[in-house]
Amino acid sequence: MEILKTKLSRRRFLQATGAAGATGAVVGSGQIAGLKALGEAKAAAGDGQTKITTSICGQCPARCGIHVYTTNGRVHAIYGNPEHPIANGKGCPKMFLGTYILYDPDRFKGPMKRTNPQ
């Protein structure tokens, strides 16, 4: 019970958590026991109807390279292009949500008409 009686300073707390984190990183080598490394998710392109189109993402100014997976004329997946020099196959959540933005029922599908005379 002497442990509970000692005062724990902020400095001592930060030292202990830093040491524990470093030990965990070295001993665990980046993996938690019982969990396998997450493989790269890819859409199935072997059915003959899936078409992969290489393009760039327009959701932000970075313009990362993407692969757009289309089946029967409908986009079902968007993944990063590993050969593109900007993002090397990685992307932000906006890129992956491009499919939802494309098929959003509330999105504008044509030019808007100005109703204000000025």
N, C-alpha and C. Protein backbone atom coordinates (compact mmCIF):
# COMPACT_ATOMS: atom_id res chain seq x y z
N MET A 1 0.80 -1.20 0.00
CA MET A 1 0.00 0.00 0.00
C MET A 1 0.84 1.27 0.00
N GLU A 2 2.16 1.14 0.10
CA GLU A 2 3.02 2.32 0.07
C GLU A 2 3.02 2.98 -1.30
N ILE A 3 2.73 2.20 -2.32
CA ILE A 3 2.70 2.77 -3.68
C ILE A 3 1.60 3.81 -3.79
N LEU A 4 0.48 3.55 -3.18
CA LEU A 4 -0.64 4.48 -3.25
C LEU A 4 -0.39 5.75 -2.45
N LYS A 5 0.49 5.68 -1.47
CA LYS A 5 0.77 6.84 -0.63
C LYS A 5 1.75 7.81 -1.27
N THR A 6 2.57 7.33 -2.19
CA THR A 6 3.56 8.21 -2.81
C THR A 6 2.88 9.13 -3.81
N LYS A 7 3.44 10.33 -3.91
CA LYS A 7 2.90 11.28 -4.86
C LYS A 7 3.52 11.02 -6.23
N LEU A 8 2.69 11.07 -7.23
CA LEU A 8 3.14 10.87 -8.59
C LEU A 8 3.16 12.23 -9.28
N SER A 9 4.35 12.67 -9.64
CA SER A 9 4.46 13.97 -10.30
C SER A 9 4.19 13.81 -11.80
N ARG A 10 3.94 14.90 -12.45
CA ARG A 10 3.71 14.88 -13.89
C ARG A 10 4.95 14.39 -14.62
N ARG A 11 6.10 14.83 -14.18
CA ARG A 11 7.36 14.42 -14.81
C ARG A 11 7.58 12.92 -14.70
N ARG A 12 7.34 12.38 -13.51
CA ARG A 12 7.52 10.94 -13.30
C ARG A 12 6.52 10.11 -14.13
N PHE A 13 5.29 10.62 -14.24
CA PHE A 13 4.27 9.94 -15.04
C PHE A 13 4.68 9.89 -16.51
N LEU A 14 5.17 11.03 -17.05
CA LEU A 14 5.60 11.06 -18.44
C LEU A 14 6.80 10.16 -18.69
N GLN A 15 7.73 10.09 -17.74
CA GLN A 15 8.87 9.20 -17.88
C GLN A 15 8.42 7.74 -17.92
N ALA A 16 7.51 7.39 -17.05
CA ALA A 16 7.05 6.00 -16.98
C ALA A 16 6.28 5.60 -18.23
N THR A 17 5.39 6.46 -18.71
CA THR A 17 4.62 6.12 -19.90
C THR A 17 5.50 6.09 -21.15
N GLY A 18 6.49 6.98 -21.22
CA GLY A 18 7.42 6.96 -22.34
C GLY A 18 8.25 5.69 -22.36
N ALA A 19 8.71 5.26 -21.20
CA ALA A 19 9.50 4.03 -21.12
C ALA A 19 8.64 2.82 -21.46
N ALA A 20 7.39 2.81 -20.99
CA ALA A 20 6.50 1.68 -21.30
C ALA A 20 6.19 1.62 -22.78
N GLY A 21 5.97 2.77 -23.40
CA GLY A 21 5.69 2.80 -24.84
C GLY A 21 6.87 2.34 -25.67
N ALA A 22 8.07 2.79 -25.30
CA ALA A 22 9.27 2.37 -26.02
C ALA A 22 9.52 0.88 -25.86
N THR A 23 9.30 0.38 -24.65
CA THR A 23 9.48 -1.06 -24.42
C THR A 23 8.48 -1.86 -25.24
N GLY A 24 7.25 -1.42 -25.29
CA GLY A 24 6.24 -2.11 -26.07
C GLY A 24 6.55 -2.12 -27.55
N ALA A 25 7.10 -1.02 -28.05
CA ALA A 25 7.43 -0.94 -29.47
C ALA A 25 8.59 -1.86 -29.82
N VAL A 26 9.57 -1.94 -28.94
CA VAL A 26 10.73 -2.79 -29.20
C VAL A 26 10.39 -4.26 -29.04
N VAL A 27 9.73 -4.61 -27.95
CA VAL A 27 9.42 -6.01 -27.67
C VAL A 27 8.38 -6.54 -28.64
N GLY A 28 7.33 -5.77 -28.90
CA GLY A 28 6.25 -6.24 -29.76
C GLY A 28 6.56 -6.10 -31.23
N SER A 29 7.58 -5.39 -31.58
CA SER A 29 8.00 -5.14 -32.96
C SER A 29 6.83 -4.70 -33.84
N GLY A 30 5.95 -3.89 -33.27
CA GLY A 30 4.88 -3.31 -34.07
C GLY A 30 3.63 -4.16 -34.19
N GLN A 31 3.62 -5.37 -33.65
CA GLN A 31 2.44 -6.22 -33.77
C GLN A 31 1.94 -6.62 -32.40
N ILE A 32 0.65 -6.69 -32.26
CA ILE A 32 0.04 -7.15 -31.02
C ILE A 32 -0.15 -8.65 -31.13
N ALA A 33 0.16 -9.37 -30.07
CA ALA A 33 0.05 -10.83 -30.09
C ALA A 33 -1.38 -11.24 -30.40
N GLY A 34 -1.52 -12.20 -31.29
CA GLY A 34 -2.84 -12.70 -31.63
C GLY A 34 -3.48 -12.01 -32.82
N LEU A 35 -2.92 -10.89 -33.27
CA LEU A 35 -3.47 -10.19 -34.43
C LEU A 35 -2.52 -10.32 -35.60
N LYS A 36 -3.06 -10.54 -36.75
CA LYS A 36 -2.25 -10.64 -37.96
C LYS A 36 -2.16 -9.26 -38.61
N ALA A 37 -1.12 -9.06 -39.39
CA ALA A 37 -0.97 -7.80 -40.10
C ALA A 37 -2.10 -7.65 -41.11
N LEU A 38 -2.65 -6.46 -41.20
CA LEU A 38 -3.74 -6.20 -42.11
C LEU A 38 -3.21 -6.13 -43.53
N GLY A 39 -3.73 -6.99 -44.40
CA GLY A 39 -3.31 -6.99 -45.79
C GLY A 39 -3.96 -5.86 -46.55
N GLU A 40 -3.43 -5.54 -47.70
CA GLU A 40 -3.98 -4.46 -48.50
C GLU A 40 -5.28 -4.91 -49.14
N ALA A 41 -6.33 -4.14 -48.91
CA ALA A 41 -7.64 -4.49 -49.44
C ALA A 41 -7.71 -4.12 -50.92
N LYS A 42 -8.13 -5.06 -51.72
CA LYS A 42 -8.28 -4.82 -53.15
C LYS A 42 -9.62 -5.41 -53.60
N ALA A 43 -10.22 -4.77 -54.58
CA ALA A 43 -11.47 -5.27 -55.12
C ALA A 43 -11.17 -6.42 -56.09
N ALA A 44 -12.09 -7.36 -56.17
CA ALA A 44 -11.93 -8.50 -57.07
C ALA A 44 -12.10 -8.05 -58.51
N ALA A 45 -11.11 -8.34 -59.33
CA ALA A 45 -11.16 -7.93 -60.73
C ALA A 45 -11.14 -9.14 -61.65
N GLY A 46 -11.39 -10.33 -61.13
CA GLY A 46 -11.26 -11.54 -61.92
C GLY A 46 -12.54 -12.02 -62.58
N ASP A 47 -13.68 -11.32 -62.43
CA ASP A 47 -14.93 -11.81 -62.98
C ASP A 47 -15.12 -11.44 -64.45
N GLY A 48 -14.21 -10.68 -65.04
CA GLY A 48 -14.30 -10.34 -66.44
C GLY A 48 -15.19 -9.13 -66.72
N GLN A 49 -16.05 -8.74 -65.79
CA GLN A 49 -16.93 -7.60 -65.99
C GLN A 49 -16.41 -6.36 -65.27
N THR A 50 -15.45 -6.53 -64.39
CA THR A 50 -14.92 -5.40 -63.64
C THR A 50 -13.85 -4.70 -64.45
N LYS A 51 -13.99 -3.38 -64.55
CA LYS A 51 -13.04 -2.56 -65.30
C LYS A 51 -12.31 -1.67 -64.32
N ILE A 52 -10.98 -1.58 -64.44
CA ILE A 52 -10.17 -0.74 -63.59
C ILE A 52 -9.71 0.47 -64.40
N THR A 53 -10.09 1.66 -63.95
CA THR A 53 -9.72 2.89 -64.62
C THR A 53 -8.76 3.67 -63.74
N THR A 54 -7.66 4.12 -64.31
CA THR A 54 -6.69 4.92 -63.59
C THR A 54 -7.02 6.39 -63.78
N SER A 55 -7.07 7.13 -62.66
CA SER A 55 -7.43 8.54 -62.71
C SER A 55 -6.77 9.27 -61.54
N ILE A 56 -7.22 10.48 -61.27
CA ILE A 56 -6.78 11.21 -60.10
C ILE A 56 -7.99 11.60 -59.27
N CYS A 57 -7.79 11.72 -57.98
CA CYS A 57 -8.87 12.09 -57.07
C CYS A 57 -9.04 13.61 -57.09
N GLY A 58 -10.27 14.05 -57.16
CA GLY A 58 -10.55 15.48 -57.20
C GLY A 58 -11.14 16.02 -55.92
N GLN A 59 -11.04 15.26 -54.83
CA GLN A 59 -11.67 15.68 -53.58
C GLN A 59 -10.88 16.75 -52.84
N CYS A 60 -9.56 16.82 -53.07
CA CYS A 60 -8.74 17.84 -52.41
C CYS A 60 -7.65 18.29 -53.38
N PRO A 61 -6.89 19.31 -53.07
CA PRO A 61 -5.87 19.83 -53.99
C PRO A 61 -4.68 18.91 -54.22
N ALA A 62 -4.51 17.84 -53.46
CA ALA A 62 -3.34 16.97 -53.62
C ALA A 62 -3.37 16.20 -54.92
N ARG A 63 -4.53 15.87 -55.43
CA ARG A 63 -4.70 15.14 -56.69
C ARG A 63 -3.94 13.81 -56.69
N CYS A 64 -4.25 12.96 -55.72
CA CYS A 64 -3.61 11.65 -55.60
C CYS A 64 -4.10 10.73 -56.71
N GLY A 65 -3.26 9.78 -57.10
CA GLY A 65 -3.63 8.81 -58.12
C GLY A 65 -4.56 7.75 -57.57
N ILE A 66 -5.57 7.36 -58.35
CA ILE A 66 -6.54 6.36 -57.90
C ILE A 66 -6.79 5.32 -58.98
N HIS A 67 -7.27 4.16 -58.55
CA HIS A 67 -7.83 3.14 -59.42
C HIS A 67 -9.31 3.08 -59.11
N VAL A 68 -10.15 3.23 -60.12
CA VAL A 68 -11.60 3.18 -59.95
C VAL A 68 -12.09 1.85 -60.50
N TYR A 69 -12.74 1.05 -59.64
CA TYR A 69 -13.24 -0.27 -60.02
C TYR A 69 -14.72 -0.12 -60.40
N THR A 70 -15.03 -0.46 -61.67
CA THR A 70 -16.38 -0.32 -62.19
C THR A 70 -16.88 -1.67 -62.65
N THR A 71 -18.09 -2.03 -62.23
CA THR A 71 -18.72 -3.27 -62.66
C THR A 71 -20.08 -2.94 -63.23
N ASN A 72 -20.30 -3.34 -64.47
CA ASN A 72 -21.56 -3.09 -65.18
C ASN A 72 -21.92 -1.60 -65.18
N GLY A 73 -20.92 -0.73 -65.36
CA GLY A 73 -21.16 0.70 -65.44
C GLY A 73 -21.37 1.40 -64.11
N ARG A 74 -21.17 0.70 -63.00
CA ARG A 74 -21.38 1.30 -61.68
C ARG A 74 -20.09 1.18 -60.87
N VAL A 75 -19.63 2.31 -60.32
CA VAL A 75 -18.41 2.32 -59.50
C VAL A 75 -18.71 1.63 -58.17
N HIS A 76 -17.86 0.68 -57.80
CA HIS A 76 -18.07 0.00 -56.52
C HIS A 76 -16.88 0.13 -55.58
N ALA A 77 -15.74 0.63 -56.06
CA ALA A 77 -14.59 0.79 -55.18
C ALA A 77 -13.62 1.80 -55.77
N ILE A 78 -12.95 2.52 -54.88
CA ILE A 78 -11.89 3.44 -55.27
C ILE A 78 -10.71 3.18 -54.34
N TYR A 79 -9.55 2.88 -54.92
CA TYR A 79 -8.34 2.62 -54.15
C TYR A 79 -7.21 3.48 -54.69
N GLY A 80 -6.18 3.65 -53.89
CA GLY A 80 -5.02 4.42 -54.30
C GLY A 80 -4.19 3.70 -55.34
N ASN A 81 -3.56 4.46 -56.23
CA ASN A 81 -2.69 3.91 -57.26
C ASN A 81 -1.28 3.84 -56.71
N PRO A 82 -0.72 2.63 -56.50
CA PRO A 82 0.62 2.52 -55.93
C PRO A 82 1.73 3.05 -56.83
N GLU A 83 1.45 3.26 -58.11
CA GLU A 83 2.46 3.75 -59.04
C GLU A 83 2.45 5.28 -59.17
N HIS A 84 1.52 5.95 -58.51
CA HIS A 84 1.44 7.40 -58.60
C HIS A 84 2.46 8.04 -57.66
N PRO A 85 3.23 9.03 -58.13
CA PRO A 85 4.33 9.57 -57.31
C PRO A 85 3.91 10.42 -56.12
N ILE A 86 2.69 10.92 -56.08
CA ILE A 86 2.31 11.83 -55.00
C ILE A 86 2.00 11.06 -53.72
N ALA A 87 1.08 10.09 -53.78
CA ALA A 87 0.63 9.43 -52.56
C ALA A 87 1.09 7.98 -52.44
N ASN A 88 1.67 7.42 -53.50
CA ASN A 88 2.18 6.04 -53.47
C ASN A 88 1.13 5.02 -53.03
N GLY A 89 -0.09 5.15 -53.52
CA GLY A 89 -1.13 4.18 -53.21
C GLY A 89 -1.93 4.46 -51.96
N LYS A 90 -1.61 5.52 -51.28
CA LYS A 90 -2.35 5.86 -50.07
C LYS A 90 -3.24 7.06 -50.36
N GLY A 91 -4.21 7.27 -49.49
CA GLY A 91 -5.10 8.40 -49.71
C GLY A 91 -5.85 8.75 -48.45
N CYS A 92 -6.48 9.88 -48.49
CA CYS A 92 -7.26 10.33 -47.34
C CYS A 92 -8.66 9.71 -47.39
N PRO A 93 -9.44 9.85 -46.33
CA PRO A 93 -10.80 9.30 -46.34
C PRO A 93 -11.69 9.87 -47.44
N LYS A 94 -11.41 11.08 -47.88
CA LYS A 94 -12.22 11.67 -48.95
C LYS A 94 -12.11 10.83 -50.22
N MET A 95 -10.94 10.29 -50.50
CA MET A 95 -10.75 9.48 -51.69
C MET A 95 -11.61 8.23 -51.63
N PHE A 96 -11.60 7.54 -50.49
CA PHE A 96 -12.35 6.31 -50.36
C PHE A 96 -13.86 6.55 -50.33
N LEU A 97 -14.29 7.74 -49.92
CA LEU A 97 -15.71 8.07 -49.88
C LEU A 97 -16.22 8.64 -51.20
N GLY A 98 -15.38 8.66 -52.22
CA GLY A 98 -15.79 9.18 -53.52
C GLY A 98 -16.97 8.44 -54.11
N THR A 99 -17.07 7.14 -53.85
CA THR A 99 -18.20 6.35 -54.34
C THR A 99 -19.50 6.84 -53.73
N TYR A 100 -19.50 7.13 -52.43
CA TYR A 100 -20.70 7.62 -51.77
C TYR A 100 -21.08 9.02 -52.27
N ILE A 101 -20.08 9.85 -52.52
CA ILE A 101 -20.34 11.19 -53.03
C ILE A 101 -20.92 11.12 -54.44
N LEU A 102 -20.42 10.18 -55.24
CA LEU A 102 -20.88 10.02 -56.62
C LEU A 102 -22.35 9.62 -56.68
N TYR A 103 -22.76 8.73 -55.81
CA TYR A 103 -24.14 8.22 -55.84
C TYR A 103 -25.03 8.81 -54.75
N ASP A 104 -24.66 9.96 -54.21
CA ASP A 104 -25.48 10.63 -53.21
C ASP A 104 -26.75 11.16 -53.87
N PRO A 105 -27.93 10.83 -53.34
CA PRO A 105 -29.17 11.27 -53.99
C PRO A 105 -29.37 12.79 -53.91
N ASP A 106 -28.69 13.48 -53.02
CA ASP A 106 -28.86 14.93 -52.88
C ASP A 106 -27.85 15.75 -53.66
N ARG A 107 -26.95 15.11 -54.39
CA ARG A 107 -25.94 15.89 -55.10
C ARG A 107 -26.55 16.55 -56.33
N PHE A 108 -25.94 17.64 -56.79
CA PHE A 108 -26.41 18.36 -57.96
C PHE A 108 -25.97 17.61 -59.21
N LYS A 109 -26.89 17.34 -60.10
CA LYS A 109 -26.58 16.57 -61.30
C LYS A 109 -26.48 17.43 -62.55
N GLY A 110 -26.64 18.73 -62.39
CA GLY A 110 -26.56 19.63 -63.53
C GLY A 110 -26.30 21.04 -63.06
N PRO A 111 -26.19 21.98 -63.99
CA PRO A 111 -25.96 23.36 -63.56
C PRO A 111 -27.17 23.93 -62.85
N MET A 112 -26.91 24.79 -61.91
CA MET A 112 -28.00 25.42 -61.15
C MET A 112 -28.40 26.72 -61.83
N LYS A 113 -29.68 27.03 -61.75
CA LYS A 113 -30.20 28.25 -62.34
C LYS A 113 -30.21 29.36 -61.30
N ARG A 114 -29.67 30.49 -61.65
CA ARG A 114 -29.65 31.61 -60.72
C ARG A 114 -31.04 32.26 -60.68
N THR A 115 -31.56 32.41 -59.47
CA THR A 115 -32.89 33.00 -59.32
C THR A 115 -32.82 34.44 -58.82
N ASN A 116 -31.65 34.88 -58.41
CA ASN A 116 -31.47 36.25 -57.95
C ASN A 116 -31.18 37.12 -59.18
N PRO A 117 -31.96 38.18 -59.45
CA PRO A 117 -31.73 38.99 -60.67
C PRO A 117 -30.41 39.76 -60.61
N GLN A 118 -29.81 39.95 -59.43
CA GLN A 118 -28.56 40.71 -59.38
C GLN A 118 -27.45 39.73 -59.24
